[in-house]
Every structure is written in structure tokens, then in C-alpha cells.
Amino acid sequence: MDLHNIREDYCKQALSQHDCDPNPIKQFEKWLNEAITAKVNEPTGVNVATVNEDGRPTSRMVLLKEVNEQGFVFFTNYHSRKGRAIEHNPFVALTFFWPELERSVRIEGKAEKISPEQSDEYFATRPYTSRIGAWASEQSAVISSHKSLLAKAALIAAKHPLNVPRPPHWGGYLVIPDCIEFWQGRPSRLHDRICYLYNEGKWERERLSP
């Protein structure tokens, strides 16, 4: 398989340090809104990278469900592979990629569980079948077949035909960032990279070489 000549030349936009908001959270919200407006496929899709107790990195895609002045929130099964890794090492990395806009955002920070009340509030907004699925799936565990998973979901649905409580092992993480980098593709691979670092209570900006 020859992959040598598969490439795109990026030329849509530029990113200057002067035009970036002093607050990287606000800059992220601006870019996310532009991705949503542009109807980017899965604009809230984010890669979450963790490191387990053996020092091995793993990554997977989840959906961002909230961004606020504190950071970035996603939800998962706390007993999952990512949940166990975060329990051991709370430092994570997030990556958003919006190819239609030739943009990416990379975030480093520390993940901590949000309150049970906050998790309850979000869980109640999920579709009924998704709430059933949160109980049926022992995320990351080996199962015999998809049929067995459906059977388990049916039993749980019979037990909870209307209201489905949140499983105690399911909830949200808040990623509190200390590094946020914005990447804008440019011609000739001379991309724009603006990096924010949180230092002594304030954000500092710098331009990085591509």
C-alpha cells in the first residue's frame, strides 16, 4: 500500500496570536461554535488519551458534553479502561480535529470526577435507550456475544420501564486544563500554532514553530 502521496494542502485560514482571545476557554468556544455553524461532522467528538498503571497510553473517542470556565466535561463508565487509568493517573490529553476547517485543538490537564448531582442532571437528559445501555454495558469487559448484551438490556428495561436511575459507576469527568494549543493548517506545512500555558494563576500565550 503506497501512502506517500496522500496529503492535503491547507489554505483556508490563518491564526494570529493577536486575534486570539486572551482566555483559551473563550477561544475554544469561538472555534467550537464555528465548527457547529459549519456543520462539521461530530464537532464535539474528542480523543481522550490516558496512561495506565503500567505506563501504557491508550486513547479513544468520546463526546464533549460541557465546556465552562473550569474546563471540559465528558461522561463515561468509571469502571471502564479509561476510568481505571484516570483513577491511577488523572493527567489526560484531549484532541479535537475539525478537518473541514483545517483546525485542531490539543488540551492537557487533570481529570476529576464531577459531583453525583451534576452527573444525575446530565444522565436524566439522555435518551431512554442510552440510559438502559449504561446499566447493560460493563464497559471494556469481555462479553460472549452482542446477543447476550441485548438480552441484558432487555432485562434492565423490564425492570425500569419508565425512569432509569443513574448507575453509581457512571458519571462525568471535568478536565481542568493547564495547556491548550490551537492549530490552524497553512500552506507548505507552515502551520499556525498558538499555545496557552497556565502559569501562576494566569494564562500566557506563545507561538510555536510547526
N, C-alpha and C. Protein backbone atom coordinates (compact mmCIF):
# COMPACT_ATOMS: atom_id res chain seq x y z
N MET A 1 0.85 -1.19 0.00
CA MET A 1 0.00 0.00 0.00
C MET A 1 0.89 1.25 0.00
N ASP A 2 0.73 2.09 -0.99
CA ASP A 2 1.53 3.30 -1.12
C ASP A 2 0.76 4.48 -0.55
N LEU A 3 1.24 5.03 0.55
CA LEU A 3 0.57 6.16 1.21
C LEU A 3 1.35 7.46 1.05
N HIS A 4 2.46 7.42 0.33
CA HIS A 4 3.37 8.56 0.29
C HIS A 4 2.73 9.84 -0.22
N ASN A 5 1.81 9.73 -1.16
CA ASN A 5 1.28 10.93 -1.80
C ASN A 5 -0.12 11.31 -1.33
N ILE A 6 -0.56 10.72 -0.22
CA ILE A 6 -1.85 11.10 0.34
C ILE A 6 -1.64 12.26 1.29
N ARG A 7 -2.05 13.42 0.87
CA ARG A 7 -1.88 14.63 1.70
C ARG A 7 -2.83 15.71 1.22
N GLU A 8 -3.10 16.66 2.09
CA GLU A 8 -3.89 17.83 1.75
C GLU A 8 -3.04 19.07 1.93
N ASP A 9 -3.29 20.07 1.11
CA ASP A 9 -2.62 21.35 1.29
C ASP A 9 -3.61 22.30 1.95
N TYR A 10 -3.26 22.78 3.12
CA TYR A 10 -4.18 23.61 3.90
C TYR A 10 -4.02 25.08 3.53
N CYS A 11 -5.13 25.74 3.22
CA CYS A 11 -5.03 27.13 2.77
C CYS A 11 -6.26 27.97 3.09
N LYS A 12 -7.13 27.49 3.98
CA LYS A 12 -8.40 28.19 4.19
C LYS A 12 -8.27 29.45 5.05
N GLN A 13 -7.51 29.36 6.16
CA GLN A 13 -7.49 30.48 7.10
C GLN A 13 -6.11 30.59 7.74
N ALA A 14 -5.95 31.68 8.49
CA ALA A 14 -4.73 31.90 9.27
C ALA A 14 -5.12 32.13 10.72
N LEU A 15 -4.16 32.00 11.61
CA LEU A 15 -4.40 32.22 13.04
C LEU A 15 -3.25 33.05 13.59
N SER A 16 -3.57 34.26 14.02
CA SER A 16 -2.54 35.13 14.60
C SER A 16 -2.71 35.19 16.11
N GLN A 17 -1.63 35.38 16.78
CA GLN A 17 -1.66 35.49 18.24
C GLN A 17 -2.48 36.69 18.67
N HIS A 18 -2.40 37.75 17.88
CA HIS A 18 -3.13 38.99 18.20
C HIS A 18 -4.64 38.77 18.16
N ASP A 19 -5.11 37.93 17.24
CA ASP A 19 -6.55 37.72 17.08
C ASP A 19 -7.13 36.73 18.08
N CYS A 20 -6.28 35.99 18.78
CA CYS A 20 -6.77 35.00 19.75
C CYS A 20 -7.24 35.68 21.03
N ASP A 21 -8.31 35.16 21.59
CA ASP A 21 -8.80 35.68 22.87
C ASP A 21 -7.76 35.41 23.96
N PRO A 22 -7.57 36.34 24.89
CA PRO A 22 -6.62 36.10 25.99
C PRO A 22 -6.97 34.88 26.83
N ASN A 23 -8.26 34.52 26.84
CA ASN A 23 -8.72 33.35 27.59
C ASN A 23 -8.89 32.18 26.62
N PRO A 24 -8.12 31.10 26.77
CA PRO A 24 -8.21 29.99 25.82
C PRO A 24 -9.56 29.27 25.84
N ILE A 25 -10.26 29.30 26.97
CA ILE A 25 -11.58 28.68 27.02
C ILE A 25 -12.53 29.43 26.08
N LYS A 26 -12.46 30.75 26.11
CA LYS A 26 -13.31 31.56 25.22
C LYS A 26 -12.89 31.35 23.76
N GLN A 27 -11.59 31.23 23.52
CA GLN A 27 -11.13 30.96 22.17
C GLN A 27 -11.63 29.60 21.68
N PHE A 28 -11.62 28.61 22.58
CA PHE A 28 -12.15 27.29 22.22
C PHE A 28 -13.64 27.38 21.90
N GLU A 29 -14.40 28.08 22.73
CA GLU A 29 -15.83 28.22 22.49
C GLU A 29 -16.10 28.88 21.14
N LYS A 30 -15.28 29.85 20.78
CA LYS A 30 -15.41 30.51 19.48
C LYS A 30 -15.21 29.51 18.35
N TRP A 31 -14.13 28.74 18.45
CA TRP A 31 -13.85 27.75 17.40
C TRP A 31 -14.91 26.65 17.37
N LEU A 32 -15.38 26.20 18.53
CA LEU A 32 -16.40 25.16 18.56
C LEU A 32 -17.69 25.66 17.92
N ASN A 33 -18.08 26.90 18.23
CA ASN A 33 -19.28 27.48 17.62
C ASN A 33 -19.14 27.55 16.11
N GLU A 34 -17.94 27.90 15.63
CA GLU A 34 -17.71 27.97 14.19
C GLU A 34 -17.77 26.57 13.57
N ALA A 35 -17.29 25.56 14.29
CA ALA A 35 -17.38 24.19 13.79
C ALA A 35 -18.83 23.72 13.70
N ILE A 36 -19.62 24.07 14.71
CA ILE A 36 -21.04 23.71 14.70
C ILE A 36 -21.77 24.42 13.57
N THR A 37 -21.50 25.72 13.42
CA THR A 37 -22.13 26.51 12.36
C THR A 37 -21.78 25.97 10.97
N ALA A 38 -20.53 25.51 10.83
CA ALA A 38 -20.07 24.96 9.55
C ALA A 38 -20.55 23.54 9.31
N LYS A 39 -21.32 23.01 10.27
CA LYS A 39 -21.85 21.64 10.19
C LYS A 39 -20.74 20.60 10.01
N VAL A 40 -19.68 20.81 10.78
CA VAL A 40 -18.60 19.82 10.83
C VAL A 40 -19.16 18.51 11.37
N ASN A 41 -18.73 17.40 10.84
CA ASN A 41 -19.18 16.10 11.33
C ASN A 41 -18.67 15.87 12.75
N GLU A 42 -19.58 15.58 13.68
CA GLU A 42 -19.24 15.34 15.09
C GLU A 42 -18.33 16.44 15.65
N PRO A 43 -18.79 17.67 15.71
CA PRO A 43 -17.94 18.76 16.20
C PRO A 43 -17.51 18.61 17.65
N THR A 44 -18.29 17.87 18.44
CA THR A 44 -17.93 17.67 19.85
C THR A 44 -17.17 16.37 20.08
N GLY A 45 -16.87 15.65 19.02
CA GLY A 45 -16.08 14.43 19.16
C GLY A 45 -14.66 14.77 19.59
N VAL A 46 -14.17 14.07 20.61
CA VAL A 46 -12.84 14.38 21.15
C VAL A 46 -12.11 13.09 21.50
N ASN A 47 -10.84 13.05 21.16
CA ASN A 47 -9.99 11.92 21.53
C ASN A 47 -9.46 12.15 22.94
N VAL A 48 -9.65 11.17 23.81
CA VAL A 48 -9.16 11.24 25.19
C VAL A 48 -8.03 10.23 25.35
N ALA A 49 -6.85 10.72 25.70
CA ALA A 49 -5.69 9.85 25.91
C ALA A 49 -5.38 9.76 27.40
N THR A 50 -5.15 8.53 27.87
CA THR A 50 -4.82 8.28 29.27
C THR A 50 -3.60 7.38 29.33
N VAL A 51 -3.03 7.27 30.53
CA VAL A 51 -1.89 6.38 30.75
C VAL A 51 -2.22 5.49 31.95
N ASN A 52 -2.08 4.17 31.78
CA ASN A 52 -2.46 3.25 32.86
C ASN A 52 -1.31 3.04 33.84
N GLU A 53 -1.54 2.16 34.81
CA GLU A 53 -0.56 1.96 35.88
C GLU A 53 0.73 1.32 35.38
N ASP A 54 0.70 0.72 34.19
CA ASP A 54 1.91 0.14 33.60
C ASP A 54 2.64 1.12 32.70
N GLY A 55 2.13 2.36 32.64
CA GLY A 55 2.76 3.37 31.81
C GLY A 55 2.39 3.28 30.34
N ARG A 56 1.36 2.49 30.02
CA ARG A 56 0.96 2.33 28.63
C ARG A 56 -0.15 3.31 28.28
N PRO A 57 0.03 4.09 27.21
CA PRO A 57 -1.00 5.04 26.80
C PRO A 57 -2.11 4.35 26.00
N THR A 58 -3.32 4.83 26.17
CA THR A 58 -4.45 4.40 25.34
C THR A 58 -5.27 5.64 25.00
N SER A 59 -6.01 5.56 23.90
CA SER A 59 -6.86 6.69 23.53
C SER A 59 -8.14 6.17 22.92
N ARG A 60 -9.17 7.01 22.96
CA ARG A 60 -10.47 6.65 22.43
C ARG A 60 -11.28 7.93 22.21
N MET A 61 -12.33 7.79 21.39
CA MET A 61 -13.19 8.94 21.09
C MET A 61 -14.39 8.96 22.04
N VAL A 62 -14.69 10.15 22.56
CA VAL A 62 -15.90 10.37 23.34
C VAL A 62 -16.53 11.67 22.84
N LEU A 63 -17.62 12.08 23.47
CA LEU A 63 -18.27 13.34 23.11
C LEU A 63 -18.13 14.34 24.24
N LEU A 64 -17.70 15.54 23.91
CA LEU A 64 -17.68 16.63 24.89
C LEU A 64 -19.12 17.00 25.20
N LYS A 65 -19.45 17.12 26.47
CA LYS A 65 -20.81 17.44 26.85
C LYS A 65 -20.96 18.80 27.53
N GLU A 66 -19.86 19.38 27.92
CA GLU A 66 -19.93 20.73 28.51
C GLU A 66 -18.55 21.36 28.47
N VAL A 67 -18.52 22.65 28.23
CA VAL A 67 -17.31 23.43 28.41
C VAL A 67 -17.70 24.65 29.24
N ASN A 68 -16.94 24.91 30.29
CA ASN A 68 -17.22 26.05 31.15
C ASN A 68 -15.90 26.69 31.56
N GLU A 69 -15.95 27.67 32.42
CA GLU A 69 -14.74 28.40 32.79
C GLU A 69 -13.72 27.53 33.52
N GLN A 70 -14.19 26.39 34.06
CA GLN A 70 -13.27 25.47 34.74
C GLN A 70 -12.58 24.51 33.78
N GLY A 71 -13.28 24.12 32.71
CA GLY A 71 -12.67 23.17 31.79
C GLY A 71 -13.69 22.43 30.94
N PHE A 72 -13.40 21.14 30.68
CA PHE A 72 -14.11 20.36 29.69
C PHE A 72 -14.68 19.09 30.33
N VAL A 73 -15.95 18.80 30.05
CA VAL A 73 -16.64 17.69 30.72
C VAL A 73 -17.04 16.61 29.71
N PHE A 74 -16.72 15.37 30.04
CA PHE A 74 -17.23 14.22 29.29
C PHE A 74 -17.70 13.18 30.30
N PHE A 75 -18.50 12.22 29.82
CA PHE A 75 -19.09 11.20 30.69
C PHE A 75 -18.66 9.81 30.25
N THR A 76 -18.59 8.90 31.23
CA THR A 76 -18.18 7.54 30.93
C THR A 76 -18.51 6.61 32.09
N ASN A 77 -18.24 5.35 31.89
CA ASN A 77 -18.32 4.35 32.95
C ASN A 77 -17.02 4.43 33.76
N TYR A 78 -17.13 4.68 35.04
CA TYR A 78 -15.93 4.83 35.87
C TYR A 78 -15.13 3.52 35.98
N HIS A 79 -15.77 2.39 35.68
CA HIS A 79 -15.08 1.10 35.73
C HIS A 79 -14.43 0.74 34.40
N SER A 80 -14.59 1.59 33.40
CA SER A 80 -14.02 1.32 32.08
C SER A 80 -12.50 1.44 32.12
N ARG A 81 -11.89 1.09 31.01
CA ARG A 81 -10.43 1.17 30.92
C ARG A 81 -9.95 2.60 31.17
N LYS A 82 -10.65 3.56 30.58
CA LYS A 82 -10.24 4.95 30.78
C LYS A 82 -10.46 5.39 32.22
N GLY A 83 -11.58 4.93 32.81
CA GLY A 83 -11.86 5.29 34.19
C GLY A 83 -10.82 4.75 35.15
N ARG A 84 -10.39 3.51 34.92
CA ARG A 84 -9.36 2.91 35.77
C ARG A 84 -8.02 3.62 35.58
N ALA A 85 -7.73 4.02 34.35
CA ALA A 85 -6.48 4.73 34.10
C ALA A 85 -6.48 6.09 34.80
N ILE A 86 -7.60 6.80 34.72
CA ILE A 86 -7.70 8.11 35.36
C ILE A 86 -7.60 7.99 36.87
N GLU A 87 -8.16 6.91 37.42
CA GLU A 87 -8.05 6.67 38.86
C GLU A 87 -6.59 6.55 39.28
N HIS A 88 -5.79 5.93 38.42
CA HIS A 88 -4.36 5.76 38.72
C HIS A 88 -3.57 7.01 38.40
N ASN A 89 -3.85 7.62 37.26
CA ASN A 89 -3.11 8.80 36.80
C ASN A 89 -4.11 9.79 36.21
N PRO A 90 -4.45 10.86 36.92
CA PRO A 90 -5.52 11.75 36.47
C PRO A 90 -5.14 12.68 35.33
N PHE A 91 -3.87 12.68 34.92
CA PHE A 91 -3.46 13.58 33.84
C PHE A 91 -3.83 12.97 32.48
N VAL A 92 -4.54 13.76 31.68
CA VAL A 92 -5.05 13.28 30.40
C VAL A 92 -4.74 14.30 29.31
N ALA A 93 -4.93 13.88 28.06
CA ALA A 93 -4.81 14.78 26.92
C ALA A 93 -6.05 14.62 26.05
N LEU A 94 -6.57 15.74 25.57
CA LEU A 94 -7.73 15.76 24.68
C LEU A 94 -7.30 16.31 23.33
N THR A 95 -7.88 15.79 22.25
CA THR A 95 -7.61 16.33 20.92
C THR A 95 -8.91 16.42 20.12
N PHE A 96 -9.22 17.62 19.66
CA PHE A 96 -10.32 17.85 18.73
C PHE A 96 -9.71 18.05 17.34
N PHE A 97 -10.36 17.50 16.31
CA PHE A 97 -9.90 17.71 14.94
C PHE A 97 -11.11 18.01 14.06
N TRP A 98 -11.08 19.17 13.43
CA TRP A 98 -12.14 19.61 12.54
C TRP A 98 -11.56 19.78 11.14
N PRO A 99 -11.44 18.69 10.38
CA PRO A 99 -10.76 18.76 9.08
C PRO A 99 -11.42 19.71 8.10
N GLU A 100 -12.75 19.85 8.20
CA GLU A 100 -13.44 20.75 7.28
C GLU A 100 -12.96 22.19 7.43
N LEU A 101 -12.49 22.55 8.62
CA LEU A 101 -11.98 23.89 8.89
C LEU A 101 -10.46 23.92 8.96
N GLU A 102 -9.84 22.75 8.76
CA GLU A 102 -8.38 22.63 8.84
C GLU A 102 -7.86 23.11 10.20
N ARG A 103 -8.56 22.65 11.26
CA ARG A 103 -8.24 23.09 12.61
C ARG A 103 -8.17 21.91 13.57
N SER A 104 -7.37 22.10 14.60
CA SER A 104 -7.28 21.13 15.69
C SER A 104 -7.02 21.87 16.99
N VAL A 105 -7.50 21.31 18.08
CA VAL A 105 -7.23 21.85 19.41
C VAL A 105 -6.72 20.71 20.28
N ARG A 106 -5.61 20.95 20.94
CA ARG A 106 -5.00 19.95 21.82
C ARG A 106 -4.99 20.49 23.24
N ILE A 107 -5.42 19.68 24.19
CA ILE A 107 -5.58 20.11 25.59
C ILE A 107 -4.89 19.12 26.51
N GLU A 108 -4.15 19.63 27.47
CA GLU A 108 -3.58 18.80 28.53
C GLU A 108 -4.11 19.28 29.87
N GLY A 109 -4.36 18.36 30.78
CA GLY A 109 -4.85 18.77 32.08
C GLY A 109 -5.11 17.59 33.00
N LYS A 110 -5.77 17.89 34.09
CA LYS A 110 -6.05 16.90 35.12
C LYS A 110 -7.55 16.64 35.17
N ALA A 111 -7.92 15.35 35.16
CA ALA A 111 -9.34 14.97 35.19
C ALA A 111 -9.77 14.67 36.62
N GLU A 112 -10.93 15.17 36.98
CA GLU A 112 -11.50 14.84 38.28
C GLU A 112 -13.00 14.62 38.12
N LYS A 113 -13.56 13.75 38.96
CA LYS A 113 -14.99 13.45 38.87
C LYS A 113 -15.81 14.68 39.23
N ILE A 114 -16.90 14.89 38.48
CA ILE A 114 -17.84 15.94 38.86
C ILE A 114 -18.74 15.37 39.95
N SER A 115 -19.60 16.21 40.52
CA SER A 115 -20.43 15.76 41.63
C SER A 115 -21.50 14.78 41.15
N PRO A 116 -21.95 13.88 42.03
CA PRO A 116 -23.04 12.97 41.66
C PRO A 116 -24.28 13.72 41.18
N GLU A 117 -24.55 14.88 41.79
CA GLU A 117 -25.72 15.66 41.39
C GLU A 117 -25.60 16.15 39.95
N GLN A 118 -24.40 16.57 39.56
CA GLN A 118 -24.19 17.01 38.18
C GLN A 118 -24.33 15.85 37.21
N SER A 119 -23.81 14.69 37.61
CA SER A 119 -23.95 13.51 36.76
C SER A 119 -25.41 13.08 36.63
N ASP A 120 -26.16 13.16 37.75
CA ASP A 120 -27.59 12.84 37.71
C ASP A 120 -28.32 13.75 36.74
N GLU A 121 -27.99 15.03 36.80
CA GLU A 121 -28.67 16.02 35.96
C GLU A 121 -28.47 15.71 34.48
N TYR A 122 -27.23 15.40 34.11
CA TYR A 122 -26.99 15.08 32.70
C TYR A 122 -27.61 13.74 32.31
N PHE A 123 -27.47 12.74 33.18
CA PHE A 123 -27.98 11.40 32.87
C PHE A 123 -29.47 11.45 32.56
N ALA A 124 -30.20 12.30 33.27
CA ALA A 124 -31.65 12.39 33.08
C ALA A 124 -32.01 12.94 31.71
N THR A 125 -31.08 13.62 31.04
CA THR A 125 -31.35 14.17 29.70
C THR A 125 -31.07 13.17 28.59
N ARG A 126 -30.44 12.06 28.89
CA ARG A 126 -30.08 11.09 27.86
C ARG A 126 -31.32 10.33 27.37
N PRO A 127 -31.31 9.87 26.13
CA PRO A 127 -32.42 9.04 25.66
C PRO A 127 -32.59 7.80 26.53
N TYR A 128 -33.82 7.32 26.60
CA TYR A 128 -34.13 6.16 27.44
C TYR A 128 -33.22 4.98 27.13
N THR A 129 -33.03 4.69 25.85
CA THR A 129 -32.21 3.53 25.47
C THR A 129 -30.75 3.70 25.88
N SER A 130 -30.27 4.94 25.88
CA SER A 130 -28.89 5.18 26.30
C SER A 130 -28.74 4.98 27.80
N ARG A 131 -29.78 5.34 28.55
CA ARG A 131 -29.74 5.12 30.00
C ARG A 131 -29.77 3.62 30.32
N ILE A 132 -30.55 2.88 29.56
CA ILE A 132 -30.55 1.42 29.73
C ILE A 132 -29.17 0.86 29.39
N GLY A 133 -28.59 1.36 28.32
CA GLY A 133 -27.27 0.89 27.90
C GLY A 133 -26.19 1.12 28.93
N ALA A 134 -26.31 2.21 29.69
CA ALA A 134 -25.31 2.49 30.72
C ALA A 134 -25.31 1.41 31.80
N TRP A 135 -26.47 0.82 32.05
CA TRP A 135 -26.56 -0.29 33.01
C TRP A 135 -26.14 -1.62 32.38
N ALA A 136 -26.51 -1.80 31.11
CA ALA A 136 -26.27 -3.09 30.46
C ALA A 136 -24.80 -3.33 30.14
N SER A 137 -24.08 -2.26 29.83
CA SER A 137 -22.69 -2.41 29.39
C SER A 137 -21.71 -2.35 30.55
N GLU A 138 -20.98 -3.43 30.74
CA GLU A 138 -19.83 -3.42 31.64
C GLU A 138 -18.63 -3.00 30.79
N GLN A 139 -18.54 -1.71 30.56
CA GLN A 139 -17.63 -1.18 29.54
C GLN A 139 -16.20 -1.70 29.68
N SER A 140 -15.65 -2.14 28.57
CA SER A 140 -14.28 -2.68 28.43
C SER A 140 -14.16 -4.13 28.89
N ALA A 141 -15.21 -4.71 29.47
CA ALA A 141 -15.17 -6.11 29.88
C ALA A 141 -15.42 -7.02 28.67
N VAL A 142 -14.86 -8.23 28.71
CA VAL A 142 -15.09 -9.21 27.65
C VAL A 142 -16.50 -9.79 27.79
N ILE A 143 -17.23 -9.88 26.66
CA ILE A 143 -18.57 -10.47 26.68
C ILE A 143 -18.64 -11.61 25.66
N SER A 144 -19.61 -12.49 25.85
CA SER A 144 -19.70 -13.67 24.99
C SER A 144 -20.24 -13.34 23.61
N SER A 145 -21.19 -12.39 23.54
CA SER A 145 -21.79 -12.05 22.25
C SER A 145 -22.59 -10.76 22.37
N HIS A 146 -22.91 -10.18 21.22
CA HIS A 146 -23.78 -9.00 21.22
C HIS A 146 -25.19 -9.39 21.67
N LYS A 147 -25.58 -10.62 21.34
CA LYS A 147 -26.90 -11.11 21.72
C LYS A 147 -27.06 -11.11 23.24
N SER A 148 -26.02 -11.50 23.96
CA SER A 148 -26.10 -11.51 25.43
C SER A 148 -26.23 -10.09 25.97
N LEU A 149 -25.60 -9.13 25.30
CA LEU A 149 -25.71 -7.74 25.72
C LEU A 149 -27.14 -7.24 25.53
N LEU A 150 -27.75 -7.58 24.40
CA LEU A 150 -29.14 -7.18 24.14
C LEU A 150 -30.09 -7.82 25.15
N ALA A 151 -29.81 -9.06 25.51
CA ALA A 151 -30.66 -9.75 26.49
C ALA A 151 -30.58 -9.07 27.85
N LYS A 152 -29.39 -8.66 28.22
CA LYS A 152 -29.22 -7.97 29.49
C LYS A 152 -29.93 -6.62 29.47
N ALA A 153 -29.84 -5.92 28.34
CA ALA A 153 -30.52 -4.63 28.21
C ALA A 153 -32.03 -4.81 28.32
N ALA A 154 -32.55 -5.89 27.75
CA ALA A 154 -33.99 -6.15 27.81
C ALA A 154 -34.45 -6.40 29.25
N LEU A 155 -33.65 -7.11 30.02
CA LEU A 155 -33.98 -7.36 31.43
C LEU A 155 -34.01 -6.06 32.22
N ILE A 156 -33.05 -5.20 31.95
CA ILE A 156 -32.99 -3.92 32.67
C ILE A 156 -34.16 -3.03 32.27
N ALA A 157 -34.52 -3.05 30.99
CA ALA A 157 -35.66 -2.26 30.52
C ALA A 157 -36.95 -2.74 31.18
N ALA A 158 -37.08 -4.05 31.37
CA ALA A 158 -38.27 -4.59 32.03
C ALA A 158 -38.33 -4.14 33.49
N LYS A 159 -37.17 -4.00 34.10
CA LYS A 159 -37.10 -3.57 35.49
C LYS A 159 -37.36 -2.08 35.63
N HIS A 160 -36.97 -1.31 34.62
CA HIS A 160 -37.14 0.14 34.65
C HIS A 160 -37.88 0.59 33.40
N PRO A 161 -39.19 0.37 33.33
CA PRO A 161 -39.94 0.70 32.12
C PRO A 161 -40.11 2.21 31.89
N LEU A 162 -39.94 3.00 32.93
CA LEU A 162 -40.14 4.44 32.79
C LEU A 162 -38.89 5.22 33.19
N ASN A 163 -38.63 5.25 34.47
CA ASN A 163 -37.49 6.03 34.98
C ASN A 163 -36.28 5.12 35.20
N VAL A 164 -35.16 5.55 34.66
CA VAL A 164 -33.92 4.78 34.80
C VAL A 164 -32.94 5.59 35.64
N PRO A 165 -32.61 5.14 36.85
CA PRO A 165 -31.66 5.88 37.67
C PRO A 165 -30.25 5.78 37.10
N ARG A 166 -29.42 6.71 37.46
CA ARG A 166 -28.02 6.67 37.01
C ARG A 166 -27.26 5.58 37.75
N PRO A 167 -26.51 4.75 37.02
CA PRO A 167 -25.66 3.77 37.71
C PRO A 167 -24.60 4.49 38.55
N PRO A 168 -24.31 4.01 39.74
CA PRO A 168 -23.32 4.69 40.58
C PRO A 168 -21.92 4.69 39.98
N HIS A 169 -21.67 3.76 39.03
CA HIS A 169 -20.35 3.67 38.41
C HIS A 169 -20.27 4.47 37.11
N TRP A 170 -21.24 5.30 36.85
CA TRP A 170 -21.30 6.07 35.60
C TRP A 170 -21.41 7.55 35.94
N GLY A 171 -20.59 8.37 35.31
CA GLY A 171 -20.65 9.80 35.61
C GLY A 171 -19.67 10.60 34.78
N GLY A 172 -19.50 11.85 35.19
CA GLY A 172 -18.70 12.77 34.40
C GLY A 172 -17.33 13.04 34.98
N TYR A 173 -16.44 13.44 34.08
CA TYR A 173 -15.12 13.95 34.45
C TYR A 173 -14.99 15.38 33.96
N LEU A 174 -14.40 16.21 34.78
CA LEU A 174 -14.02 17.56 34.39
C LEU A 174 -12.52 17.56 34.16
N VAL A 175 -12.11 17.94 32.96
CA VAL A 175 -10.69 18.07 32.66
C VAL A 175 -10.31 19.54 32.87
N ILE A 176 -9.49 19.77 33.89
CA ILE A 176 -9.04 21.13 34.22
C ILE A 176 -7.74 21.38 33.46
N PRO A 177 -7.76 22.26 32.45
CA PRO A 177 -6.59 22.38 31.57
C PRO A 177 -5.47 23.23 32.16
N ASP A 178 -4.24 22.87 31.81
CA ASP A 178 -3.10 23.74 32.09
C ASP A 178 -2.32 24.05 30.81
N CYS A 179 -2.75 23.43 29.70
CA CYS A 179 -2.14 23.70 28.39
C CYS A 179 -3.22 23.52 27.32
N ILE A 180 -3.41 24.52 26.48
CA ILE A 180 -4.36 24.44 25.37
C ILE A 180 -3.67 24.99 24.13
N GLU A 181 -3.61 24.17 23.09
CA GLU A 181 -2.95 24.59 21.85
C GLU A 181 -3.94 24.59 20.69
N PHE A 182 -3.94 25.69 19.94
CA PHE A 182 -4.79 25.84 18.76
C PHE A 182 -3.93 25.72 17.51
N TRP A 183 -4.36 24.85 16.60
CA TRP A 183 -3.61 24.58 15.37
C TRP A 183 -4.47 24.92 14.17
N GLN A 184 -3.92 25.73 13.28
CA GLN A 184 -4.59 26.07 12.03
C GLN A 184 -3.70 25.67 10.87
N GLY A 185 -4.20 24.81 9.99
CA GLY A 185 -3.41 24.38 8.85
C GLY A 185 -3.10 25.53 7.91
N ARG A 186 -1.86 25.54 7.39
CA ARG A 186 -1.41 26.59 6.46
C ARG A 186 -0.67 25.96 5.28
N PRO A 187 -0.51 26.69 4.20
CA PRO A 187 0.20 26.14 3.04
C PRO A 187 1.64 25.75 3.36
N SER A 188 2.15 24.79 2.60
CA SER A 188 3.55 24.34 2.69
C SER A 188 3.90 23.76 4.06
N ARG A 189 2.89 23.33 4.79
CA ARG A 189 3.08 22.76 6.13
C ARG A 189 3.65 23.77 7.14
N LEU A 190 3.53 25.05 6.84
CA LEU A 190 3.98 26.09 7.77
C LEU A 190 2.77 26.54 8.59
N HIS A 191 2.29 25.62 9.41
CA HIS A 191 1.04 25.81 10.13
C HIS A 191 1.16 26.84 11.25
N ASP A 192 0.00 27.37 11.65
CA ASP A 192 -0.07 28.26 12.82
C ASP A 192 -0.35 27.44 14.06
N ARG A 193 0.45 27.66 15.11
CA ARG A 193 0.24 27.00 16.39
C ARG A 193 0.33 28.06 17.50
N ILE A 194 -0.79 28.27 18.19
CA ILE A 194 -0.82 29.19 19.32
C ILE A 194 -1.09 28.38 20.57
N CYS A 195 -0.17 28.44 21.52
CA CYS A 195 -0.25 27.62 22.73
C CYS A 195 -0.44 28.50 23.96
N TYR A 196 -1.40 28.13 24.80
CA TYR A 196 -1.65 28.81 26.08
C TYR A 196 -1.17 27.90 27.20
N LEU A 197 -0.41 28.47 28.12
CA LEU A 197 0.05 27.74 29.30
C LEU A 197 -0.44 28.46 30.55
N TYR A 198 -0.97 27.68 31.50
CA TYR A 198 -1.45 28.28 32.75
C TYR A 198 -0.30 28.34 33.73
N ASN A 199 0.08 29.54 34.12
CA ASN A 199 1.26 29.73 34.96
C ASN A 199 0.99 30.77 36.03
N GLU A 200 1.09 30.34 37.29
CA GLU A 200 0.92 31.24 38.43
C GLU A 200 -0.40 32.02 38.36
N GLY A 201 -1.48 31.29 38.09
CA GLY A 201 -2.81 31.88 38.15
C GLY A 201 -3.26 32.63 36.92
N LYS A 202 -2.49 32.58 35.84
CA LYS A 202 -2.92 33.28 34.62
C LYS A 202 -2.45 32.52 33.39
N TRP A 203 -3.14 32.80 32.29
CA TRP A 203 -2.80 32.18 31.01
C TRP A 203 -1.79 33.02 30.25
N GLU A 204 -0.79 32.35 29.69
CA GLU A 204 0.21 33.01 28.86
C GLU A 204 0.16 32.40 27.47
N ARG A 205 0.31 33.25 26.45
CA ARG A 205 0.25 32.78 25.06
C ARG A 205 1.62 32.81 24.42
N GLU A 206 1.84 31.85 23.51
CA GLU A 206 3.07 31.87 22.73
C GLU A 206 2.82 31.16 21.40
N ARG A 207 3.59 31.56 20.39
CA ARG A 207 3.51 30.91 19.08
C ARG A 207 4.59 29.83 19.00
N LEU A 208 4.19 28.67 18.48
CA LEU A 208 5.11 27.55 18.34
C LEU A 208 5.44 27.33 16.87
N SER A 209 6.65 26.88 16.62
CA SER A 209 7.03 26.50 15.27
C SER A 209 6.25 25.26 14.86
N PRO A 210 5.85 25.18 13.59
CA PRO A 210 5.11 24.00 13.16
C PRO A 210 5.98 22.75 13.09
